[in-house]
PDB file of N, CA and C in Angstrom:
ATOM      1  N   UNK A   1     171.028 108.671 -64.116  1.00  0.00           N
ATOM      2  CA  UNK A   1     170.679 109.879 -65.026  1.00  0.00           C
ATOM      3  C   UNK A   1     170.697 111.054 -64.145  1.00  0.00           C
ATOM      4  N   UNK A   2     171.542 112.022 -64.514  1.00  0.00           N
ATOM      5  CA  UNK A   2     171.654 113.361 -63.848  1.00  0.00           C
ATOM      6  C   UNK A   2     170.532 114.280 -64.326  1.00  0.00           C
ATOM      7  N   UNK A   3     169.972 115.106 -63.577  1.00  0.00           N
ATOM      8  CA  UNK A   3     169.014 116.131 -64.193  1.00  0.00           C
ATOM      9  C   UNK A   3     169.511 117.149 -64.789  1.00  0.00           C
ATOM     10  N   UNK A   4     170.832 117.323 -64.759  1.00  0.00           N
ATOM     11  CA  UNK A   4     171.591 118.536 -65.310  1.00  0.00           C
ATOM     12  C   UNK A   4     172.457 117.882 -66.492  1.00  0.00           C
ATOM     13  N   UNK A   5     173.151 118.894 -67.082  1.00  0.00           N
ATOM     14  CA  UNK A   5     174.388 118.406 -68.144  1.00  0.00           C
ATOM     15  C   UNK A   5     175.621 118.339 -67.510  1.00  0.00           C
ATOM     16  N   UNK A   6     175.712 118.538 -66.167  1.00  0.00           N
ATOM     17  CA  UNK A   6     176.974 118.398 -65.446  1.00  0.00           C
ATOM     18  C   UNK A   6     177.467 117.078 -64.999  1.00  0.00           C
ATOM     19  N   UNK A   7     178.364 116.467 -65.636  1.00  0.00           N
ATOM     20  CA  UNK A   7     178.747 115.156 -65.183  1.00  0.00           C
ATOM     21  C   UNK A   7     179.460 115.128 -63.869  1.00  0.00           C
ATOM     22  N   UNK A   8     179.855 116.337 -63.385  1.00  0.00           N
ATOM     23  CA  UNK A   8     180.499 116.335 -62.095  1.00  0.00           C
ATOM     24  C   UNK A   8     179.363 116.266 -60.985  1.00  0.00           C
ATOM     25  N   UNK A   9     178.076 116.166 -61.142  1.00  0.00           N
ATOM     26  CA  UNK A   9     177.203 115.889 -60.088  1.00  0.00           C
ATOM     27  C   UNK A   9     176.869 114.502 -59.920  1.00  0.00           C
ATOM     28  N   UNK A  10     177.615 113.748 -60.678  1.00  0.00           N
ATOM     29  CA  UNK A  10     177.628 112.242 -60.642  1.00  0.00           C
ATOM     30  C   UNK A  10     178.369 111.653 -59.127  1.00  0.00           C
ATOM     31  N   UNK A  11     177.679 110.609 -58.648  1.00  0.00           N
ATOM     32  CA  UNK A  11     178.460 109.967 -57.499  1.00  0.00           C
ATOM     33  C   UNK A  11     179.707 109.559 -58.036  1.00  0.00           C
ATOM     34  N   UNK A  12     180.905 109.565 -57.233  1.00  0.00           N
ATOM     35  CA  UNK A  12     182.091 109.081 -57.524  1.00  0.00           C
ATOM     36  C   UNK A  12     182.163 107.554 -57.969  1.00  0.00           C
ATOM     37  N   UNK A  13     181.121 106.961 -57.410  1.00  0.00           N
ATOM     38  CA  UNK A  13     181.235 105.543 -57.582  1.00  0.00           C
ATOM     39  C   UNK A  13     180.312 105.029 -58.789  1.00  0.00           C
ATOM     40  N   UNK A  14     179.771 105.882 -59.669  1.00  0.00           N
ATOM     41  CA  UNK A  14     178.939 105.693 -60.558  1.00  0.00           C
ATOM     42  C   UNK A  14     179.672 105.143 -61.626  1.00  0.00           C
ATOM     43  N   UNK A  15     179.139 104.044 -62.354  1.00  0.00           N
ATOM     44  CA  UNK A  15     179.956 103.564 -63.405  1.00  0.00           C
ATOM     45  C   UNK A  15     179.307 104.058 -64.728  1.00  0.00           C
ATOM     46  N   UNK A  16     178.087 104.326 -64.694  1.00  0.00           N
ATOM     47  CA  UNK A  16     177.310 104.916 -66.102  1.00  0.00           C
ATOM     48  C   UNK A  16     176.873 106.226 -65.552  1.00  0.00           C
ATOM     49  N   UNK A  17     177.226 107.286 -66.317  1.00  0.00           N
ATOM     50  CA  UNK A  17     176.633 108.675 -66.093  1.00  0.00           C
ATOM     51  C   UNK A  17     175.963 109.282 -67.235  1.00  0.00           C
ATOM     52  N   UNK A  18     174.724 109.585 -67.007  1.00  0.00           N
ATOM     53  CA  UNK A  18     173.876 110.101 -68.255  1.00  0.00           C
ATOM     54  C   UNK A  18     173.546 111.409 -67.848  1.00  0.00           C
ATOM     55  N   UNK A  19     174.152 112.535 -68.180  1.00  0.00           N
ATOM     56  CA  UNK A  19     173.657 113.892 -67.968  1.00  0.00           C
ATOM     57  C   UNK A  19     172.491 114.376 -69.165  1.00  0.00           C
ATOM     58  N   UNK A  20     171.369 114.387 -68.532  1.00  0.00           N
ATOM     59  CA  UNK A  20     170.256 114.652 -69.389  1.00  0.00           C
ATOM     60  C   UNK A  20     169.841 116.056 -69.549  1.00  0.00           C
ATOM     61  N   UNK A  21     169.930 116.937 -68.755  1.00  0.00           N
ATOM     62  CA  UNK A  21     169.591 118.327 -68.883  1.00  0.00           C
ATOM     63  C   UNK A  21     167.893 118.342 -68.868  1.00  0.00           C
ATOM     64  N   UNK A  22     167.262 117.354 -68.262  1.00  0.00           N
ATOM     65  CA  UNK A  22     165.782 117.192 -68.075  1.00  0.00           C
ATOM     66  C   UNK A  22     165.247 117.582 -66.754  1.00  0.00           C
ATOM     67  N   UNK A  23     166.022 117.972 -65.889  1.00  0.00           N
ATOM     68  CA  UNK A  23     165.700 118.338 -64.711  1.00  0.00           C
ATOM     69  C   UNK A  23     164.785 117.150 -63.988  1.00  0.00           C
ATOM     70  N   UNK A  24     163.606 117.653 -63.493  1.00  0.00           N
ATOM     71  CA  UNK A  24     162.646 116.486 -62.577  1.00  0.00           C
ATOM     72  C   UNK A  24     162.007 115.635 -63.902  1.00  0.00           C
ATOM     73  N   UNK A  25     162.064 116.110 -65.054  1.00  0.00           N
ATOM     74  CA  UNK A  25     161.310 115.248 -66.262  1.00  0.00           C
ATOM     75  C   UNK A  25     162.246 113.923 -66.251  1.00  0.00           C
ATOM     76  N   UNK A  26     163.549 113.791 -65.972  1.00  0.00           N
ATOM     77  CA  UNK A  26     164.363 112.611 -66.113  1.00  0.00           C
ATOM     78  C   UNK A  26     163.554 111.489 -65.189  1.00  0.00           C
ATOM     79  N   UNK A  27     162.620 111.887 -64.249  1.00  0.00           N
ATOM     80  CA  UNK A  27     161.961 111.100 -63.493  1.00  0.00           C
ATOM     81  C   UNK A  27     161.300 109.945 -64.203  1.00  0.00           C
ATOM     82  N   UNK A  28     160.643 110.584 -65.231  1.00  0.00           N
ATOM     83  CA  UNK A  28     159.903 109.575 -66.097  1.00  0.00           C
ATOM     84  C   UNK A  28     160.821 108.741 -67.170  1.00  0.00           C
ATOM     85  N   UNK A  29     161.919 109.274 -67.519  1.00  0.00           N
ATOM     86  CA  UNK A  29     162.927 108.300 -68.272  1.00  0.00           C
ATOM     87  C   UNK A  29     163.316 107.436 -67.389  1.00  0.00           C
ATOM     88  N   UNK A  30     163.742 107.665 -66.225  1.00  0.00           N
ATOM     89  CA  UNK A  30     164.171 106.541 -65.289  1.00  0.00           C
ATOM     90  C   UNK A  30     163.261 105.534 -65.039  1.00  0.00           C
ATOM     91  N   UNK A  31     161.961 105.890 -64.772  1.00  0.00           N
ATOM     92  CA  UNK A  31     161.062 104.800 -64.488  1.00  0.00           C
ATOM     93  C   UNK A  31     160.408 104.217 -65.770  1.00  0.00           C
ATOM     94  N   UNK A  32     160.367 104.615 -66.679  1.00  0.00           N
ATOM     95  CA  UNK A  32     159.896 104.122 -67.996  1.00  0.00           C
ATOM     96  C   UNK A  32     160.948 102.979 -68.518  1.00  0.00           C
ATOM     97  N   UNK A  33     162.310 103.226 -68.197  1.00  0.00           N
ATOM     98  CA  UNK A  33     163.251 102.257 -68.752  1.00  0.00           C
ATOM     99  C   UNK A  33     163.572 101.311 -67.622  1.00  0.00           C
ATOM    100  N   UNK A  34     162.849 101.082 -66.613  1.00  0.00           N
ATOM    101  CA  UNK A  34     163.123 100.277 -65.285  1.00  0.00           C
ATOM    102  C   UNK A  34     162.216  99.126 -65.350  1.00  0.00           C
ATOM    103  N   UNK A  35     162.839  97.894 -65.048  1.00  0.00           N
ATOM    104  CA  UNK A  35     161.856  96.483 -64.889  1.00  0.00           C
ATOM    105  C   UNK A  35     160.977  96.605 -63.605  1.00  0.00           C
ATOM    106  N   UNK A  36     161.841  97.262 -62.463  1.00  0.00           N
ATOM    107  CA  UNK A  36     161.109  97.429 -61.323  1.00  0.00           C
ATOM    108  C   UNK A  36     161.781  98.902 -60.647  1.00  0.00           C
ATOM    109  N   UNK A  37     161.272  99.416 -59.519  1.00  0.00           N
ATOM    110  CA  UNK A  37     161.629 100.656 -58.977  1.00  0.00           C
ATOM    111  C   UNK A  37     161.817 100.250 -57.460  1.00  0.00           C
ATOM    112  N   UNK A  38     162.884 100.376 -56.993  1.00  0.00           N
ATOM    113  CA  UNK A  38     163.487 100.211 -55.505  1.00  0.00           C
ATOM    114  C   UNK A  38     163.637 101.671 -55.108  1.00  0.00           C
ATOM    115  N   UNK A  39     162.621 102.106 -54.140  1.00  0.00           N
ATOM    116  CA  UNK A  39     162.684 103.535 -53.477  1.00  0.00           C
ATOM    117  C   UNK A  39     163.553 103.525 -52.229  1.00  0.00           C
ATOM    118  N   UNK A  40     164.500 104.263 -52.329  1.00  0.00           N
ATOM    119  CA  UNK A  40     165.255 104.701 -50.953  1.00  0.00           C
ATOM    120  C   UNK A  40     165.325 105.903 -50.529  1.00  0.00           C
ATOM    121  N   UNK A  41     164.751 106.099 -49.173  1.00  0.00           N
ATOM    122  CA  UNK A  41     164.746 107.358 -48.860  1.00  0.00           C
ATOM    123  C   UNK A  41     163.907 108.366 -49.603  1.00  0.00           C
ATOM    124  N   UNK A  42     164.355 109.466 -49.967  1.00  0.00           N
ATOM    125  CA  UNK A  42     163.651 110.401 -50.904  1.00  0.00           C
ATOM    126  C   UNK A  42     162.644 111.355 -50.626  1.00  0.00           C
ATOM    127  N   UNK A  43     162.251 112.263 -51.553  1.00  0.00           N
ATOM    128  CA  UNK A  43     161.246 113.269 -51.069  1.00  0.00           C
ATOM    129  C   UNK A  43     160.332 113.276 -52.141  1.00  0.00           C
ATOM    130  N   UNK A  44     159.842 114.464 -52.615  1.00  0.00           N
ATOM    131  CA  UNK A  44     158.860 114.527 -53.659  1.00  0.00           C
ATOM    132  C   UNK A  44     159.324 113.810 -55.033  1.00  0.00           C
ATOM    133  N   UNK A  45     160.486 113.842 -55.409  1.00  0.00           N
ATOM    134  CA  UNK A  45     160.921 113.285 -56.574  1.00  0.00           C
ATOM    135  C   UNK A  45     160.734 111.803 -56.521  1.00  0.00           C
ATOM    136  N   UNK A  46     161.107 111.308 -55.557  1.00  0.00           N
ATOM    137  CA  UNK A  46     160.953 109.913 -55.287  1.00  0.00           C
ATOM    138  C   UNK A  46     159.525 109.305 -55.308  1.00  0.00           C
ATOM    139  N   UNK A  47     158.682 110.151 -54.649  1.00  0.00           N
ATOM    140  CA  UNK A  47     157.169 109.944 -54.603  1.00  0.00           C
ATOM    141  C   UNK A  47     156.726 109.915 -55.944  1.00  0.00           C
ATOM    142  N   UNK A  48     157.124 110.930 -56.862  1.00  0.00           N
ATOM    143  CA  UNK A  48     156.532 111.034 -58.138  1.00  0.00           C
ATOM    144  C   UNK A  48     157.002 109.951 -58.993  1.00  0.00           C
ATOM    145  N   UNK A  49     158.151 109.427 -58.809  1.00  0.00           N
ATOM    146  CA  UNK A  49     158.682 108.004 -59.396  1.00  0.00           C
ATOM    147  C   UNK A  49     157.858 106.926 -58.806  1.00  0.00           C
ATOM    148  N   UNK A  50     157.614 106.703 -57.682  1.00  0.00           N
ATOM    149  CA  UNK A  50     156.870 105.786 -57.257  1.00  0.00           C
ATOM    150  C   UNK A  50     155.355 105.745 -57.845  1.00  0.00           C
ATOM    151  N   UNK A  51     154.791 106.904 -57.984  1.00  0.00           N
ATOM    152  CA  UNK A  51     153.528 107.160 -58.506  1.00  0.00           C
ATOM    153  C   UNK A  51     153.575 106.728 -59.948  1.00  0.00           C
ATOM    154  N   UNK A  52     154.402 107.047 -60.752  1.00  0.00           N
ATOM    155  CA  UNK A  52     154.478 106.989 -62.158  1.00  0.00           C
ATOM    156  C   UNK A  52     154.955 105.336 -62.506  1.00  0.00           C
ATOM    157  N   UNK A  53     155.562 104.758 -61.656  1.00  0.00           N
ATOM    158  CA  UNK A  53     155.827 103.204 -61.744  1.00  0.00           C
ATOM    159  C   UNK A  53     154.520 102.371 -61.572  1.00  0.00           C
ATOM    160  N   UNK A  54     153.933 102.948 -60.652  1.00  0.00           N
ATOM    161  CA  UNK A  54     152.421 102.365 -60.381  1.00  0.00           C
ATOM    162  C   UNK A  54     151.566 102.414 -61.622  1.00  0.00           C
ATOM    163  N   UNK A  55     151.526 103.719 -62.270  1.00  0.00           N
ATOM    164  CA  UNK A  55     150.870 103.912 -63.472  1.00  0.00           C
ATOM    165  C   UNK A  55     151.184 103.142 -64.656  1.00  0.00           C
ATOM    166  N   UNK A  56     152.471 102.830 -64.823  1.00  0.00           N
ATOM    167  CA  UNK A  56     153.346 102.174 -65.749  1.00  0.00           C
ATOM    168  C   UNK A  56     153.158 100.546 -65.551  1.00  0.00           C
ATOM    169  N   UNK A  57     152.624 100.063 -64.261  1.00  0.00           N
ATOM    170  CA  UNK A  57     152.667  98.628 -63.954  1.00  0.00           C
ATOM    171  C   UNK A  57     153.880  98.090 -63.528  1.00  0.00           C
ATOM    172  N   UNK A  58     154.853  99.041 -63.149  1.00  0.00           N
ATOM    173  CA  UNK A  58     156.185  98.361 -62.716  1.00  0.00           C
ATOM    174  C   UNK A  58     155.954  98.103 -61.267  1.00  0.00           C
ATOM    175  N   UNK A  59     156.638  97.070 -60.960  1.00  0.00           N
ATOM    176  CA  UNK A  59     156.533  96.740 -59.438  1.00  0.00           C
ATOM    177  C   UNK A  59     157.394  97.820 -58.691  1.00  0.00           C
ATOM    178  N   UNK A  60     156.870  97.935 -57.583  1.00  0.00           N
ATOM    179  CA  UNK A  60     157.580  99.035 -56.688  1.00  0.00           C
ATOM    180  C   UNK A  60     157.976  98.500 -55.259  1.00  0.00           C
ATOM    181  N   UNK A  61     158.974  98.893 -54.656  1.00  0.00           N
ATOM    182  CA  UNK A  61     159.296  98.302 -53.329  1.00  0.00           C
ATOM    183  C   UNK A  61     160.103  99.466 -52.885  1.00  0.00           C
ATOM    184  N   UNK A  62     159.517  99.704 -51.447  1.00  0.00           N
ATOM    185  CA  UNK A  62     160.421 100.823 -50.618  1.00  0.00           C
ATOM    186  C   UNK A  62     161.306 100.139 -49.508  1.00  0.00           C
ATOM    187  N   UNK A  63     162.548 100.482 -49.298  1.00  0.00           N
ATOM    188  CA  UNK A  63     163.402 100.191 -48.334  1.00  0.00           C
ATOM    189  C   UNK A  63     163.030 101.019 -47.121  1.00  0.00           C
ATOM    190  N   UNK A  64     162.676 100.436 -46.170  1.00  0.00           N
ATOM    191  CA  UNK A  64     162.155 101.083 -44.880  1.00  0.00           C
ATOM    192  C   UNK A  64     163.742 101.486 -43.973  1.00  0.00           C
ATOM    193  N   UNK A  65     163.620 102.333 -43.142  1.00  0.00           N
ATOM    194  CA  UNK A  65     164.655 102.661 -42.373  1.00  0.00           C
ATOM    195  C   UNK A  65     165.586 103.546 -43.028  1.00  0.00           C
ATOM    196  N   UNK A  66     165.387 104.223 -44.385  1.00  0.00           N
ATOM    197  CA  UNK A  66     166.176 104.901 -45.009  1.00  0.00           C
ATOM    198  C   UNK A  66     165.768 106.451 -45.053  1.00  0.00           C
ATOM    199  N   UNK A  67     164.673 106.735 -44.353  1.00  0.00           N
ATOM    200  CA  UNK A  67     164.284 108.032 -44.084  1.00  0.00           C
ATOM    201  C   UNK A  67     163.191 108.458 -45.221  1.00  0.00           C
ATOM    202  N   UNK A  68     163.009 109.752 -45.266  1.00  0.00           N
ATOM    203  CA  UNK A  68     162.142 110.268 -46.405  1.00  0.00           C
ATOM    204  C   UNK A  68     160.864 109.764 -46.519  1.00  0.00           C
ATOM    205  N   UNK A  69     160.388 109.686 -47.868  1.00  0.00           N
ATOM    206  CA  UNK A  69     158.930 109.222 -48.044  1.00  0.00           C
ATOM    207  C   UNK A  69     158.999 107.658 -47.946  1.00  0.00           C
ATOM    208  N   UNK A  70     160.086 106.900 -47.964  1.00  0.00           N
ATOM    209  CA  UNK A  70     160.034 105.428 -47.992  1.00  0.00           C
ATOM    210  C   UNK A  70     159.569 105.120 -46.525  1.00  0.00           C
ATOM    211  N   UNK A  71     159.912 105.873 -45.377  1.00  0.00           N
ATOM    212  CA  UNK A  71     159.536 105.431 -44.180  1.00  0.00           C
ATOM    213  C   UNK A  71     158.189 105.993 -43.786  1.00  0.00           C
ATOM    214  N   UNK A  72     157.369 106.734 -44.737  1.00  0.00           N
ATOM    215  CA  UNK A  72     156.122 107.010 -44.545  1.00  0.00           C
ATOM    216  C   UNK A  72     155.142 106.512 -45.643  1.00  0.00           C
ATOM    217  N   UNK A  73     155.681 105.806 -46.601  1.00  0.00           N
ATOM    218  CA  UNK A  73     154.928 105.489 -47.820  1.00  0.00           C
ATOM    219  C   UNK A  73     153.471 104.840 -47.485  1.00  0.00           C
ATOM    220  N   UNK A  74     153.478 104.045 -46.361  1.00  0.00           N
ATOM    221  CA  UNK A  74     152.040 103.501 -46.293  1.00  0.00           C
ATOM    222  C   UNK A  74     150.882 104.375 -45.907  1.00  0.00           C
ATOM    223  N   UNK A  75     151.460 105.695 -45.412  1.00  0.00           N
ATOM    224  CA  UNK A  75     150.317 106.758 -45.192  1.00  0.00           C
ATOM    225  C   UNK A  75     149.724 107.066 -46.238  1.00  0.00           C
ATOM    226  N   UNK A  76     150.233 107.063 -47.594  1.00  0.00           N
ATOM    227  CA  UNK A  76     149.746 107.595 -48.780  1.00  0.00           C
ATOM    228  C   UNK A  76     149.544 106.670 -49.683  1.00  0.00           C
ATOM    229  N   UNK A  77     150.346 105.264 -49.690  1.00  0.00           N
ATOM    230  CA  UNK A  77     150.077 104.381 -50.629  1.00  0.00           C
ATOM    231  C   UNK A  77     150.164 102.997 -49.888  1.00  0.00           C
ATOM    232  N   UNK A  78     149.162 102.733 -49.272  1.00  0.00           N
ATOM    233  CA  UNK A  78     149.129 101.376 -48.372  1.00  0.00           C
ATOM    234  C   UNK A  78     149.459 100.181 -48.958  1.00  0.00           C
ATOM    235  N   UNK A  79     149.406  99.940 -50.311  1.00  0.00           N
ATOM    236  CA  UNK A  79     149.578  98.727 -51.008  1.00  0.00           C
ATOM    237  C   UNK A  79     151.074  98.669 -51.648  1.00  0.00           C
ATOM    238  N   UNK A  80     151.995  99.658 -51.407  1.00  0.00           N
ATOM    239  CA  UNK A  80     153.227  99.550 -51.839  1.00  0.00           C
ATOM    240  C   UNK A  80     154.036  98.526 -50.890  1.00  0.00           C
ATOM    241  N   UNK A  81     154.708  97.738 -51.488  1.00  0.00           N
ATOM    242  CA  UNK A  81     155.417  96.629 -50.866  1.00  0.00           C
ATOM    243  C   UNK A  81     156.599  97.617 -49.977  1.00  0.00           C
ATOM    244  N   UNK A  82     156.978  96.859 -48.745  1.00  0.00           N
ATOM    245  CA  UNK A  82     158.119  97.750 -47.994  1.00  0.00           C
ATOM    246  C   UNK A  82     158.898  96.455 -47.535  1.00  0.00           C
ATOM    247  N   UNK A  83     160.171  96.590 -47.737  1.00  0.00           N
ATOM    248  CA  UNK A  83     161.176  95.596 -47.167  1.00  0.00           C
ATOM    249  C   UNK A  83     162.137  96.182 -46.071  1.00  0.00           C
ATOM    250  N   UNK A  84     162.468  95.478 -45.118  1.00  0.00           N
ATOM    251  CA  UNK A  84     163.283  96.097 -44.046  1.00  0.00           C
ATOM    252  C   UNK A  84     164.883  95.673 -44.247  1.00  0.00           C
ATOM    253  N   UNK A  85     165.307  95.292 -45.432  1.00  0.00           N
ATOM    254  CA  UNK A  85     166.773  94.955 -45.416  1.00  0.00           C
ATOM    255  C   UNK A  85     167.259  94.407 -46.737  1.00  0.00           C
ATOM    256  N   UNK A  86     168.270  94.153 -47.008  1.00  0.00           N
ATOM    257  CA  UNK A  86     168.905  93.919 -48.164  1.00  0.00           C
ATOM    258  C   UNK A  86     168.572  92.409 -48.520  1.00  0.00           C
ATOM    259  N   UNK A  87     168.620  91.554 -47.463  1.00  0.00           N
ATOM    260  CA  UNK A  87     168.012  90.193 -47.605  1.00  0.00           C
ATOM    261  C   UNK A  87     166.703  90.131 -48.148  1.00  0.00           C
ATOM    262  N   UNK A  88     165.635  90.880 -47.658  1.00  0.00           N
ATOM    263  CA  UNK A  88     164.449  90.799 -48.010  1.00  0.00           C
ATOM    264  C   UNK A  88     164.122  91.487 -49.394  1.00  0.00           C
ATOM    265  N   UNK A  89     165.128  92.509 -49.866  1.00  0.00           N
ATOM    266  CA  UNK A  89     165.008  92.954 -51.010  1.00  0.00           C
ATOM    267  C   UNK A  89     165.374  92.122 -52.059  1.00  0.00           C
ATOM    268  N   UNK A  90     166.459  91.329 -51.603  1.00  0.00           N
ATOM    269  CA  UNK A  90     166.723  90.160 -52.831  1.00  0.00           C
ATOM    270  C   UNK A  90     165.634  89.260 -53.035  1.00  0.00           C
ATOM    271  N   UNK A  91     164.920  88.825 -51.740  1.00  0.00           N
ATOM    272  CA  UNK A  91     163.826  87.908 -51.975  1.00  0.00           C
ATOM    273  C   UNK A  91     162.648  88.707 -52.775  1.00  0.00           C
ATOM    274  N   UNK A  92     162.498  89.885 -52.585  1.00  0.00           N
ATOM    275  CA  UNK A  92     161.393  90.604 -53.433  1.00  0.00           C
ATOM    276  C   UNK A  92     161.653  90.498 -54.820  1.00  0.00           C
ATOM    277  N   UNK A  93     162.932  90.993 -55.211  1.00  0.00           N
ATOM    278  CA  UNK A  93     163.459  91.052 -56.556  1.00  0.00           C
ATOM    279  C   UNK A  93     163.215  89.757 -57.298  1.00  0.00           C
ATOM    280  N   UNK A  94     163.617  88.626 -56.440  1.00  0.00           N
ATOM    281  CA  UNK A  94     163.498  87.227 -56.961  1.00  0.00           C
ATOM    282  C   UNK A  94     162.165  86.826 -57.516  1.00  0.00           C
ATOM    283  N   UNK A  95     161.056  87.272 -56.505  1.00  0.00           N
ATOM    284  CA  UNK A  95     159.733  87.229 -56.954  1.00  0.00           C
ATOM    285  C   UNK A  95     159.221  88.040 -57.983  1.00  0.00           C
ATOM    286  N   UNK A  96     159.596  89.160 -58.063  1.00  0.00           N
ATOM    287  CA  UNK A  96     159.049  90.200 -59.031  1.00  0.00           C
ATOM    288  C   UNK A  96     159.593  90.138 -60.425  1.00  0.00           C
ATOM    289  N   UNK A  97     160.800  89.765 -60.458  1.00  0.00           N
ATOM    290  CA  UNK A  97     161.674  89.840 -61.943  1.00  0.00           C
ATOM    291  C   UNK A  97     161.937  88.445 -62.215  1.00  0.00           C
ATOM    292  N   UNK A  98     161.805  88.319 -63.626  1.00  0.00           N
ATOM    293  CA  UNK A  98     161.880  86.837 -64.004  1.00  0.00           C
ATOM    294  C   UNK A  98     163.493  86.501 -64.094  1.00  0.00           C
TER     295      UNK A  98
END
């Protein structure tokens, strides 16, 4: 989901591109349509998605070692799950999602 109407902003490997024109408000759409939120790196927008996911009761996990808020998430939200790699992420997803 892109914040603008410009499809050219999409990553070249994206299979599905949704230009929304919603700016930062797209974060609410992303989280509301998710079964779980996997946070990677990030800044203020990622932190807002984590917070909204928790408000909506969505499972949240942060991938450590990716920089940004994910490496410091326990400073603000000590009960957010953190995994150290893709194997741990797979295990977490298997536990959290049916």
